[in-house]
Structures are given as C-alpha cells and as structure tokens.
Amino acid sequence: MKILIVVDMQNDFIDGPLGSDAAKKIVKNVSEKVDSFRRSGEPVIFTRDTHTDTYLETLEGKNLPVKHCIKGTDGWQITNKITTTGSTIVDKVTFGSKDLPQAVKNAAQRYSDSHKGAKATGSSGVISEIILTGLCTDMCVISNAMVLKTFFPETQISVLAGCCAGVTLERHLTALNAMKSCQITVK
C-alpha cells in the first residue's frame, strides 16, 4: 500500500498572497494523483498550513512577513479543485508537521483493518511507499519529507517533482536535489 501526502494545496499558496504561476500549473497534476489514489483505495492525507491573526508576531512571521493561511479564511482552505472527501487533513503551525507521522500510522492501520490479509511490504507494516506532492517544495514539502524519513527510515519516501512547486524554480530544484541527498526518491 502507498500513502499520498498532499502538502498545503491551499488558496493562499496557489493564487493568494504567496501564490505563483508554478503553483497554479501543478493543481491539475495533484488533483489527478489524488483521484488515482482514491480509485485504488489507498489513503490520501492533506496538510494544511494554519496560522492565527498573530502570525506576524511569530518567528516565522518575522522572517516571512506575509499574512497567509489564517484559520477560517478562504485562503486557508484547500483548493476546491482537489477533492478532500474521505481524506485526513492535518493542520500544522509551521513548515513540517509533528502530527503527520501519526496520521500516516493511523491511515495504514485503517487500510490494514479494511483489507484483512494485506501483505506487509515495508518496515511500516503494509506501507510500501509514502509519496509527497504540493507546495512549497523548498519549505513545507522538504520539511515534511524529512519528518517522514525520520519516522519511517526503512520505507521509501518519494516526491513527485511534477506535482510540486517551489517559491522559485531555482529553489524548487535545490530542494529536490537536497532531498535526493537524503535518500528521498524524486520522481
């Protein structure tokens, strides 16, 4: 079984204050990948960058002084061009999610329970691969890939380059190369 992680495909990162043409271009690819996982019955987990009105007072806000993904706003919502129905959504207050590894374990357990006799193919039970997509490659995607690599060192962690976008193309490519150096497969 594979698990798809969709990182921060939120309105503010697509066409809001931190949006970009590169982000807009990957929406269709990510949507198709999510639909493919849904058809196969494999789990999809979304992360959602989540801040409060005091964001600019945080360390992140001081380094990135652009209010974004304020909980409850339209910009905080995952784009409606990607179906989240039936998926787990993990809110996170910074680049990497401390709750994502547990969400992956829970998804694997639910899959295993619903597929009695599922063959264990990885060190994490039935998980053979964890695949990441989303925004931004050079901040949240790389951070979550490293968190997952730490918690699941014997499970293949992969990133789909065509389903990710960085703040700039150069930073996207740099992040992909950094992940390769950490034994994360870039496809």
N, C-alpha and C. Protein backbone atom coordinates (compact mmCIF):
# COMPACT_ATOMS: atom_id res chain seq x y z
N MET A 1 0.83 -1.17 0.00
CA MET A 1 0.00 0.00 0.00
C MET A 1 0.88 1.24 0.00
N LYS A 2 0.45 2.23 -0.75
CA LYS A 2 1.12 3.52 -0.80
C LYS A 2 0.22 4.55 -0.13
N ILE A 3 0.83 5.58 0.42
CA ILE A 3 0.08 6.69 1.02
C ILE A 3 0.52 7.96 0.31
N LEU A 4 -0.46 8.76 -0.09
CA LEU A 4 -0.19 10.04 -0.75
C LEU A 4 -0.34 11.16 0.27
N ILE A 5 0.67 12.01 0.34
CA ILE A 5 0.64 13.20 1.19
C ILE A 5 0.53 14.41 0.27
N VAL A 6 -0.48 15.23 0.48
CA VAL A 6 -0.70 16.44 -0.31
C VAL A 6 -0.42 17.62 0.62
N VAL A 7 0.69 18.29 0.38
CA VAL A 7 1.16 19.35 1.27
C VAL A 7 0.62 20.72 0.84
N ASP A 8 -0.17 21.32 1.70
CA ASP A 8 -0.54 22.74 1.64
C ASP A 8 -1.05 23.24 0.28
N MET A 9 -1.92 22.48 -0.34
CA MET A 9 -2.52 22.93 -1.61
C MET A 9 -3.68 23.88 -1.28
N GLN A 10 -3.31 25.00 -0.68
CA GLN A 10 -4.27 25.97 -0.16
C GLN A 10 -4.33 27.20 -1.06
N ASN A 11 -5.48 27.85 -1.01
CA ASN A 11 -5.70 29.01 -1.87
C ASN A 11 -4.62 30.08 -1.74
N ASP A 12 -4.16 30.37 -0.52
CA ASP A 12 -3.15 31.41 -0.35
C ASP A 12 -1.82 31.06 -1.02
N PHE A 13 -1.54 29.77 -1.20
CA PHE A 13 -0.30 29.35 -1.86
C PHE A 13 -0.47 29.17 -3.37
N ILE A 14 -1.70 29.18 -3.83
CA ILE A 14 -1.94 28.97 -5.26
C ILE A 14 -2.19 30.30 -5.96
N ASP A 15 -3.20 31.04 -5.51
CA ASP A 15 -3.49 32.32 -6.17
C ASP A 15 -3.69 33.46 -5.18
N GLY A 16 -3.27 33.23 -3.94
CA GLY A 16 -3.35 34.26 -2.90
C GLY A 16 -2.04 35.01 -2.76
N PRO A 17 -1.77 35.57 -1.59
CA PRO A 17 -0.59 36.41 -1.40
C PRO A 17 0.75 35.70 -1.59
N LEU A 18 0.77 34.38 -1.48
CA LEU A 18 2.01 33.63 -1.72
C LEU A 18 1.87 32.71 -2.95
N GLY A 19 0.89 33.01 -3.78
CA GLY A 19 0.65 32.20 -4.98
C GLY A 19 1.67 32.47 -6.07
N SER A 20 1.67 31.57 -7.05
CA SER A 20 2.59 31.71 -8.19
C SER A 20 2.02 30.97 -9.39
N ASP A 21 2.54 31.31 -10.56
CA ASP A 21 2.13 30.59 -11.77
C ASP A 21 2.52 29.12 -11.67
N ALA A 22 3.68 28.84 -11.08
CA ALA A 22 4.12 27.45 -10.94
C ALA A 22 3.15 26.66 -10.06
N ALA A 23 2.66 27.29 -9.00
CA ALA A 23 1.68 26.62 -8.13
C ALA A 23 0.39 26.34 -8.88
N LYS A 24 -0.07 27.32 -9.64
CA LYS A 24 -1.31 27.13 -10.42
C LYS A 24 -1.16 25.99 -11.41
N LYS A 25 0.03 25.83 -11.97
CA LYS A 25 0.25 24.80 -13.00
C LYS A 25 0.21 23.38 -12.46
N ILE A 26 0.48 23.19 -11.17
CA ILE A 26 0.51 21.81 -10.65
C ILE A 26 -0.83 21.34 -10.11
N VAL A 27 -1.81 22.23 -9.98
CA VAL A 27 -3.09 21.86 -9.39
C VAL A 27 -3.71 20.66 -10.11
N LYS A 28 -3.74 20.70 -11.43
CA LYS A 28 -4.34 19.60 -12.20
C LYS A 28 -3.58 18.29 -11.96
N ASN A 29 -2.25 18.34 -11.94
CA ASN A 29 -1.44 17.13 -11.71
C ASN A 29 -1.74 16.53 -10.33
N VAL A 30 -1.80 17.39 -9.32
CA VAL A 30 -2.08 16.92 -7.97
C VAL A 30 -3.49 16.34 -7.89
N SER A 31 -4.45 17.01 -8.49
CA SER A 31 -5.82 16.52 -8.49
C SER A 31 -5.90 15.13 -9.14
N GLU A 32 -5.23 14.95 -10.25
CA GLU A 32 -5.23 13.64 -10.93
C GLU A 32 -4.59 12.56 -10.06
N LYS A 33 -3.53 12.92 -9.36
CA LYS A 33 -2.86 11.95 -8.49
C LYS A 33 -3.77 11.56 -7.33
N VAL A 34 -4.44 12.55 -6.73
CA VAL A 34 -5.39 12.28 -5.64
C VAL A 34 -6.50 11.35 -6.15
N ASP A 35 -7.05 11.65 -7.31
CA ASP A 35 -8.12 10.82 -7.88
C ASP A 35 -7.64 9.40 -8.13
N SER A 36 -6.40 9.25 -8.58
CA SER A 36 -5.82 7.93 -8.83
C SER A 36 -5.73 7.12 -7.52
N PHE A 37 -5.31 7.77 -6.46
CA PHE A 37 -5.24 7.08 -5.17
C PHE A 37 -6.63 6.72 -4.68
N ARG A 38 -7.58 7.60 -4.87
CA ARG A 38 -8.96 7.31 -4.45
C ARG A 38 -9.48 6.06 -5.17
N ARG A 39 -9.23 6.00 -6.47
CA ARG A 39 -9.71 4.84 -7.25
C ARG A 39 -9.07 3.55 -6.77
N SER A 40 -7.81 3.61 -6.33
CA SER A 40 -7.12 2.40 -5.88
C SER A 40 -7.44 2.06 -4.43
N GLY A 41 -8.12 2.97 -3.73
CA GLY A 41 -8.48 2.72 -2.33
C GLY A 41 -7.35 3.00 -1.36
N GLU A 42 -6.27 3.61 -1.84
CA GLU A 42 -5.14 3.91 -0.97
C GLU A 42 -5.33 5.27 -0.31
N PRO A 43 -4.78 5.44 0.89
CA PRO A 43 -5.01 6.66 1.67
C PRO A 43 -4.38 7.92 1.08
N VAL A 44 -5.08 9.03 1.31
CA VAL A 44 -4.60 10.36 0.96
C VAL A 44 -4.69 11.21 2.23
N ILE A 45 -3.58 11.87 2.55
CA ILE A 45 -3.52 12.76 3.71
C ILE A 45 -3.12 14.15 3.23
N PHE A 46 -3.88 15.15 3.65
CA PHE A 46 -3.58 16.54 3.31
C PHE A 46 -2.98 17.23 4.53
N THR A 47 -1.99 18.09 4.30
CA THR A 47 -1.57 19.01 5.36
C THR A 47 -2.14 20.38 5.02
N ARG A 48 -2.36 21.16 6.07
CA ARG A 48 -2.92 22.48 5.88
C ARG A 48 -2.18 23.46 6.79
N ASP A 49 -1.44 24.37 6.17
CA ASP A 49 -0.75 25.42 6.92
C ASP A 49 -1.81 26.21 7.67
N THR A 50 -1.61 26.42 8.96
CA THR A 50 -2.65 27.02 9.79
C THR A 50 -2.04 28.05 10.74
N HIS A 51 -2.44 29.30 10.54
CA HIS A 51 -1.95 30.39 11.38
C HIS A 51 -3.11 31.14 12.00
N THR A 52 -2.77 32.05 12.93
CA THR A 52 -3.77 32.90 13.58
C THR A 52 -3.50 34.35 13.18
N ASP A 53 -4.34 35.24 13.66
CA ASP A 53 -4.17 36.66 13.38
C ASP A 53 -2.85 37.21 13.93
N THR A 54 -2.23 36.51 14.85
CA THR A 54 -0.96 36.97 15.42
C THR A 54 0.26 36.43 14.65
N TYR A 55 0.02 35.90 13.46
CA TYR A 55 1.10 35.31 12.66
C TYR A 55 2.32 36.21 12.55
N LEU A 56 2.13 37.49 12.28
CA LEU A 56 3.27 38.39 12.06
C LEU A 56 4.13 38.56 13.32
N GLU A 57 3.62 38.17 14.48
CA GLU A 57 4.37 38.25 15.72
C GLU A 57 5.20 36.99 15.98
N THR A 58 4.98 35.94 15.19
CA THR A 58 5.73 34.69 15.36
C THR A 58 7.08 34.81 14.69
N LEU A 59 7.99 33.89 15.02
CA LEU A 59 9.30 33.88 14.39
C LEU A 59 9.17 33.70 12.88
N GLU A 60 8.30 32.77 12.47
CA GLU A 60 8.08 32.58 11.03
C GLU A 60 7.55 33.86 10.40
N GLY A 61 6.60 34.51 11.07
CA GLY A 61 6.02 35.75 10.55
C GLY A 61 7.03 36.88 10.44
N LYS A 62 7.99 36.90 11.32
CA LYS A 62 9.05 37.92 11.25
C LYS A 62 9.99 37.66 10.08
N ASN A 63 10.17 36.38 9.73
CA ASN A 63 11.04 36.01 8.61
C ASN A 63 10.31 35.97 7.27
N LEU A 64 9.01 35.75 7.32
CA LEU A 64 8.16 35.74 6.13
C LEU A 64 6.96 36.61 6.45
N PRO A 65 7.12 37.94 6.37
CA PRO A 65 6.08 38.86 6.84
C PRO A 65 4.92 39.04 5.84
N VAL A 66 4.28 37.94 5.51
CA VAL A 66 3.11 37.96 4.64
C VAL A 66 2.04 37.14 5.34
N LYS A 67 0.96 37.79 5.78
CA LYS A 67 -0.13 37.07 6.43
C LYS A 67 -0.73 36.09 5.43
N HIS A 68 -0.84 34.84 5.84
CA HIS A 68 -1.39 33.82 4.96
C HIS A 68 -1.95 32.67 5.80
N CYS A 69 -2.85 31.93 5.18
CA CYS A 69 -3.43 30.72 5.77
C CYS A 69 -3.93 30.95 7.19
N ILE A 70 -4.64 32.05 7.38
CA ILE A 70 -5.24 32.35 8.67
C ILE A 70 -6.48 31.47 8.83
N LYS A 71 -6.48 30.68 9.89
CA LYS A 71 -7.54 29.70 10.11
C LYS A 71 -8.92 30.32 9.92
N GLY A 72 -9.73 29.63 9.12
CA GLY A 72 -11.10 30.06 8.88
C GLY A 72 -11.29 30.95 7.66
N THR A 73 -10.20 31.46 7.09
CA THR A 73 -10.32 32.31 5.90
C THR A 73 -10.37 31.47 4.64
N ASP A 74 -10.78 32.08 3.53
CA ASP A 74 -10.78 31.38 2.24
C ASP A 74 -9.37 30.96 1.84
N GLY A 75 -8.38 31.78 2.15
CA GLY A 75 -7.00 31.46 1.80
C GLY A 75 -6.47 30.24 2.52
N TRP A 76 -7.03 29.93 3.68
CA TRP A 76 -6.63 28.77 4.48
C TRP A 76 -7.18 27.47 3.90
N GLN A 77 -8.25 27.57 3.14
CA GLN A 77 -8.92 26.38 2.60
C GLN A 77 -8.06 25.70 1.52
N ILE A 78 -8.16 24.39 1.47
CA ILE A 78 -7.54 23.63 0.38
C ILE A 78 -8.35 23.93 -0.88
N THR A 79 -7.67 24.13 -2.00
CA THR A 79 -8.36 24.48 -3.24
C THR A 79 -9.50 23.52 -3.52
N ASN A 80 -10.60 24.06 -3.99
CA ASN A 80 -11.75 23.21 -4.30
C ASN A 80 -11.56 22.45 -5.62
N LYS A 81 -10.43 22.63 -6.26
CA LYS A 81 -10.12 21.89 -7.49
C LYS A 81 -9.53 20.51 -7.18
N ILE A 82 -9.32 20.25 -5.89
CA ILE A 82 -8.81 18.96 -5.44
C ILE A 82 -9.78 18.42 -4.40
N THR A 83 -10.25 17.20 -4.60
CA THR A 83 -11.22 16.60 -3.70
C THR A 83 -10.55 16.10 -2.43
N THR A 84 -11.07 16.54 -1.28
CA THR A 84 -10.54 16.09 0.01
C THR A 84 -11.47 15.09 0.69
N THR A 85 -12.61 14.83 0.11
CA THR A 85 -13.60 13.94 0.71
C THR A 85 -12.98 12.60 1.09
N GLY A 86 -13.20 12.20 2.32
CA GLY A 86 -12.71 10.92 2.79
C GLY A 86 -11.25 10.91 3.19
N SER A 87 -10.58 12.05 3.10
CA SER A 87 -9.16 12.14 3.43
C SER A 87 -8.96 12.68 4.83
N THR A 88 -7.81 12.41 5.38
CA THR A 88 -7.39 13.00 6.64
C THR A 88 -6.78 14.36 6.32
N ILE A 89 -7.10 15.37 7.13
CA ILE A 89 -6.49 16.68 6.99
C ILE A 89 -5.77 16.99 8.29
N VAL A 90 -4.48 17.30 8.18
CA VAL A 90 -3.64 17.58 9.34
C VAL A 90 -3.27 19.06 9.30
N ASP A 91 -3.74 19.81 10.28
CA ASP A 91 -3.35 21.22 10.39
C ASP A 91 -1.96 21.28 11.01
N LYS A 92 -1.15 22.23 10.52
CA LYS A 92 0.21 22.38 11.04
C LYS A 92 0.52 23.86 11.20
N VAL A 93 1.30 24.20 12.21
CA VAL A 93 1.58 25.60 12.51
C VAL A 93 2.93 26.06 11.96
N THR A 94 3.68 25.16 11.39
CA THR A 94 4.98 25.50 10.82
C THR A 94 5.22 24.62 9.60
N PHE A 95 6.41 24.70 9.04
CA PHE A 95 6.70 24.00 7.78
C PHE A 95 6.44 22.50 7.86
N GLY A 96 7.06 21.83 8.83
CA GLY A 96 6.87 20.40 8.99
C GLY A 96 5.81 20.12 10.04
N SER A 97 5.11 19.00 9.89
CA SER A 97 4.04 18.65 10.82
C SER A 97 4.50 17.58 11.81
N LYS A 98 4.42 17.90 13.09
CA LYS A 98 4.75 16.91 14.11
C LYS A 98 3.67 15.83 14.20
N ASP A 99 2.48 16.12 13.67
CA ASP A 99 1.37 15.16 13.73
C ASP A 99 1.27 14.26 12.50
N LEU A 100 2.02 14.56 11.47
CA LEU A 100 1.90 13.79 10.22
C LEU A 100 2.31 12.32 10.38
N PRO A 101 3.40 11.99 11.08
CA PRO A 101 3.74 10.57 11.22
C PRO A 101 2.62 9.74 11.86
N GLN A 102 1.97 10.29 12.87
CA GLN A 102 0.87 9.55 13.49
C GLN A 102 -0.31 9.41 12.53
N ALA A 103 -0.57 10.44 11.74
CA ALA A 103 -1.64 10.35 10.75
C ALA A 103 -1.34 9.26 9.73
N VAL A 104 -0.07 9.12 9.35
CA VAL A 104 0.34 8.05 8.42
C VAL A 104 0.12 6.69 9.07
N LYS A 105 0.53 6.54 10.33
CA LYS A 105 0.33 5.27 11.03
C LYS A 105 -1.16 4.93 11.13
N ASN A 106 -1.97 5.93 11.45
CA ASN A 106 -3.42 5.70 11.57
C ASN A 106 -4.02 5.28 10.23
N ALA A 107 -3.60 5.94 9.15
CA ALA A 107 -4.10 5.60 7.81
C ALA A 107 -3.70 4.18 7.43
N ALA A 108 -2.49 3.80 7.76
CA ALA A 108 -2.02 2.44 7.46
C ALA A 108 -2.82 1.41 8.25
N GLN A 109 -3.12 1.73 9.50
CA GLN A 109 -3.91 0.81 10.33
C GLN A 109 -5.32 0.66 9.77
N ARG A 110 -5.95 1.77 9.39
CA ARG A 110 -7.30 1.70 8.81
C ARG A 110 -7.28 0.88 7.52
N TYR A 111 -6.27 1.08 6.69
CA TYR A 111 -6.15 0.32 5.44
C TYR A 111 -6.00 -1.17 5.75
N SER A 112 -5.12 -1.48 6.69
CA SER A 112 -4.88 -2.87 7.06
C SER A 112 -6.15 -3.52 7.62
N ASP A 113 -6.87 -2.79 8.46
CA ASP A 113 -8.11 -3.31 9.04
C ASP A 113 -9.17 -3.57 7.98
N SER A 114 -9.21 -2.73 6.95
CA SER A 114 -10.24 -2.88 5.91
C SER A 114 -9.81 -3.84 4.80
N HIS A 115 -8.54 -4.21 4.80
CA HIS A 115 -8.01 -5.14 3.80
C HIS A 115 -7.36 -6.31 4.54
N LYS A 116 -8.16 -7.05 5.25
CA LYS A 116 -7.64 -8.18 6.03
C LYS A 116 -6.74 -9.02 5.15
N GLY A 117 -5.59 -9.37 5.71
CA GLY A 117 -4.63 -10.18 4.97
C GLY A 117 -3.75 -9.37 4.05
N ALA A 118 -3.80 -8.03 4.15
CA ALA A 118 -2.92 -7.20 3.31
C ALA A 118 -1.48 -7.58 3.62
N LYS A 119 -0.73 -7.84 2.57
CA LYS A 119 0.64 -8.29 2.71
C LYS A 119 1.54 -7.16 3.18
N ALA A 120 2.32 -7.42 4.23
CA ALA A 120 3.28 -6.41 4.70
C ALA A 120 4.41 -6.32 3.69
N THR A 121 4.62 -5.12 3.16
CA THR A 121 5.65 -4.96 2.13
C THR A 121 6.73 -3.98 2.54
N GLY A 122 6.58 -3.35 3.67
CA GLY A 122 7.60 -2.40 4.13
C GLY A 122 7.77 -2.55 5.63
N SER A 123 8.77 -1.87 6.17
CA SER A 123 9.02 -1.98 7.61
C SER A 123 7.91 -1.35 8.43
N SER A 124 7.05 -0.57 7.79
CA SER A 124 5.96 0.09 8.50
C SER A 124 4.66 -0.66 8.29
N GLY A 125 4.73 -1.98 8.30
CA GLY A 125 3.53 -2.77 8.09
C GLY A 125 3.19 -2.85 6.62
N VAL A 126 2.01 -2.38 6.26
CA VAL A 126 1.55 -2.50 4.89
C VAL A 126 2.03 -1.35 4.00
N ILE A 127 2.75 -0.38 4.56
CA ILE A 127 3.18 0.78 3.77
C ILE A 127 4.42 0.42 2.95
N SER A 128 4.30 0.49 1.63
CA SER A 128 5.47 0.25 0.78
C SER A 128 6.12 1.57 0.36
N GLU A 129 5.32 2.65 0.33
CA GLU A 129 5.86 3.93 -0.11
C GLU A 129 4.98 5.07 0.39
N ILE A 130 5.62 6.16 0.76
CA ILE A 130 4.93 7.39 1.11
C ILE A 130 5.34 8.41 0.06
N ILE A 131 4.34 8.97 -0.64
CA ILE A 131 4.59 9.86 -1.77
C ILE A 131 4.10 11.26 -1.42
N LEU A 132 4.97 12.27 -1.62
CA LEU A 132 4.60 13.65 -1.33
C LEU A 132 4.40 14.46 -2.59
N THR A 133 3.43 15.37 -2.52
CA THR A 133 3.15 16.35 -3.57
C THR A 133 2.86 17.67 -2.86
N GLY A 134 2.83 18.77 -3.59
CA GLY A 134 2.31 20.00 -3.00
C GLY A 134 3.24 21.20 -3.02
N LEU A 135 2.97 22.09 -2.07
CA LEU A 135 3.59 23.41 -2.01
C LEU A 135 4.18 23.67 -0.62
N CYS A 136 5.14 24.40 -0.52
CA CYS A 136 6.18 24.77 -1.48
C CYS A 136 7.31 23.77 -1.33
N THR A 137 7.87 23.33 -2.44
CA THR A 137 8.91 22.30 -2.43
C THR A 137 10.03 22.65 -1.47
N ASP A 138 10.44 23.91 -1.49
CA ASP A 138 11.62 24.35 -0.75
C ASP A 138 11.34 24.72 0.70
N MET A 139 10.13 24.58 1.14
CA MET A 139 9.81 24.88 2.54
C MET A 139 9.05 23.71 3.16
N CYS A 140 7.79 23.60 2.86
CA CYS A 140 6.93 22.62 3.54
C CYS A 140 7.07 21.21 2.98
N VAL A 141 7.25 21.05 1.68
CA VAL A 141 7.39 19.70 1.14
C VAL A 141 8.66 19.05 1.67
N ILE A 142 9.80 19.75 1.56
CA ILE A 142 11.05 19.19 2.04
C ILE A 142 11.01 18.93 3.55
N SER A 143 10.41 19.84 4.31
CA SER A 143 10.32 19.66 5.76
C SER A 143 9.53 18.40 6.11
N ASN A 144 8.38 18.21 5.47
CA ASN A 144 7.57 17.03 5.76
C ASN A 144 8.20 15.75 5.24
N ALA A 145 8.91 15.83 4.12
CA ALA A 145 9.63 14.65 3.63
C ALA A 145 10.68 14.22 4.64
N MET A 146 11.39 15.18 5.23
CA MET A 146 12.41 14.85 6.22
C MET A 146 11.80 14.32 7.52
N VAL A 147 10.68 14.88 7.93
CA VAL A 147 9.98 14.36 9.12
C VAL A 147 9.60 12.90 8.87
N LEU A 148 9.03 12.61 7.71
CA LEU A 148 8.60 11.24 7.41
C LEU A 148 9.80 10.30 7.28
N LYS A 149 10.89 10.77 6.69
CA LYS A 149 12.09 9.95 6.57
C LYS A 149 12.62 9.59 7.96
N THR A 150 12.50 10.51 8.90
CA THR A 150 12.95 10.27 10.27
C THR A 150 12.10 9.21 10.95
N PHE A 151 10.79 9.27 10.77
CA PHE A 151 9.89 8.34 11.45
C PHE A 151 9.77 7.01 10.72
N PHE A 152 10.02 6.99 9.43
CA PHE A 152 9.88 5.76 8.63
C PHE A 152 11.16 5.53 7.82
N PRO A 153 12.31 5.29 8.48
CA PRO A 153 13.59 5.23 7.78
C PRO A 153 13.73 4.08 6.79
N GLU A 154 12.94 3.03 6.94
CA GLU A 154 13.03 1.88 6.03
C GLU A 154 11.90 1.84 5.02
N THR A 155 11.10 2.89 4.97
CA THR A 155 10.02 2.99 3.98
C THR A 155 10.47 3.95 2.89
N GLN A 156 10.19 3.61 1.66
CA GLN A 156 10.54 4.50 0.56
C GLN A 156 9.72 5.78 0.68
N ILE A 157 10.42 6.91 0.74
CA ILE A 157 9.78 8.22 0.74
C ILE A 157 10.08 8.82 -0.62
N SER A 158 9.04 9.25 -1.33
CA SER A 158 9.20 9.79 -2.68
C SER A 158 8.52 11.14 -2.80
N VAL A 159 9.01 11.94 -3.72
CA VAL A 159 8.42 13.23 -4.03
C VAL A 159 8.19 13.27 -5.54
N LEU A 160 6.99 13.69 -5.94
CA LEU A 160 6.67 13.80 -7.37
C LEU A 160 6.99 15.23 -7.82
N ALA A 161 8.08 15.41 -8.54
CA ALA A 161 8.55 16.74 -8.93
C ALA A 161 7.50 17.51 -9.73
N GLY A 162 6.77 16.83 -10.60
CA GLY A 162 5.75 17.48 -11.42
C GLY A 162 4.47 17.81 -10.68
N CYS A 163 4.39 17.40 -9.42
CA CYS A 163 3.24 17.71 -8.56
C CYS A 163 3.67 18.60 -7.40
N CYS A 164 4.79 19.28 -7.58
CA CYS A 164 5.30 20.21 -6.56
C CYS A 164 5.73 21.49 -7.24
N ALA A 165 5.73 22.57 -6.48
CA ALA A 165 6.25 23.84 -6.97
C ALA A 165 6.90 24.56 -5.80
N GLY A 166 8.00 25.23 -6.11
CA GLY A 166 8.70 25.99 -5.08
C GLY A 166 8.40 27.47 -5.20
N VAL A 167 8.98 28.22 -4.30
CA VAL A 167 8.83 29.67 -4.33
C VAL A 167 9.39 30.22 -5.64
N THR A 168 10.50 29.64 -6.09
CA THR A 168 11.06 29.92 -7.42
C THR A 168 11.47 28.58 -8.02
N LEU A 169 11.71 28.55 -9.32
CA LEU A 169 12.16 27.32 -9.96
C LEU A 169 13.51 26.89 -9.39
N GLU A 170 14.39 27.84 -9.18
CA GLU A 170 15.71 27.52 -8.64
C GLU A 170 15.60 26.88 -7.25
N ARG A 171 14.77 27.44 -6.39
CA ARG A 171 14.60 26.88 -5.05
C ARG A 171 13.90 25.52 -5.09
N HIS A 172 12.98 25.33 -6.02
CA HIS A 172 12.33 24.02 -6.23
C HIS A 172 13.39 22.97 -6.56
N LEU A 173 14.24 23.29 -7.53
CA LEU A 173 15.28 22.34 -7.95
C LEU A 173 16.30 22.08 -6.85
N THR A 174 16.66 23.12 -6.12
CA THR A 174 17.60 22.95 -5.00
C THR A 174 17.01 22.02 -3.95
N ALA A 175 15.73 22.19 -3.63
CA ALA A 175 15.07 21.34 -2.64
C ALA A 175 15.02 19.89 -3.12
N LEU A 176 14.70 19.69 -4.40
CA LEU A 176 14.66 18.32 -4.93
C LEU A 176 16.03 17.67 -4.81
N ASN A 177 17.10 18.40 -5.13
CA ASN A 177 18.45 17.85 -5.01
C ASN A 177 18.81 17.57 -3.55
N ALA A 178 18.41 18.44 -2.65
CA ALA A 178 18.67 18.20 -1.22
C ALA A 178 17.97 16.93 -0.75
N MET A 179 16.73 16.73 -1.21
CA MET A 179 16.01 15.52 -0.81
C MET A 179 16.68 14.27 -1.36
N LYS A 180 17.16 14.34 -2.60
CA LYS A 180 17.90 13.21 -3.18
C LYS A 180 19.09 12.85 -2.30
N SER A 181 19.79 13.87 -1.79
CA SER A 181 20.95 13.65 -0.93
C SER A 181 20.57 12.92 0.35
N CYS A 182 19.33 13.05 0.75
CA CYS A 182 18.85 12.41 1.99
C CYS A 182 18.09 11.11 1.70
N GLN A 183 18.33 10.54 0.53
CA GLN A 183 17.75 9.25 0.11
C GLN A 183 16.25 9.28 0.00
N ILE A 184 15.73 10.43 -0.41
CA ILE A 184 14.32 10.55 -0.76
C ILE A 184 14.27 10.47 -2.28
N THR A 185 13.43 9.61 -2.81
CA THR A 185 13.35 9.42 -4.25
C THR A 185 12.57 10.55 -4.88
N VAL A 186 13.15 11.14 -5.93
CA VAL A 186 12.47 12.19 -6.68
C VAL A 186 12.06 11.59 -8.00
N LYS A 187 10.76 11.65 -8.27
CA LYS A 187 10.21 11.07 -9.50
C LYS A 187 9.70 12.17 -10.40
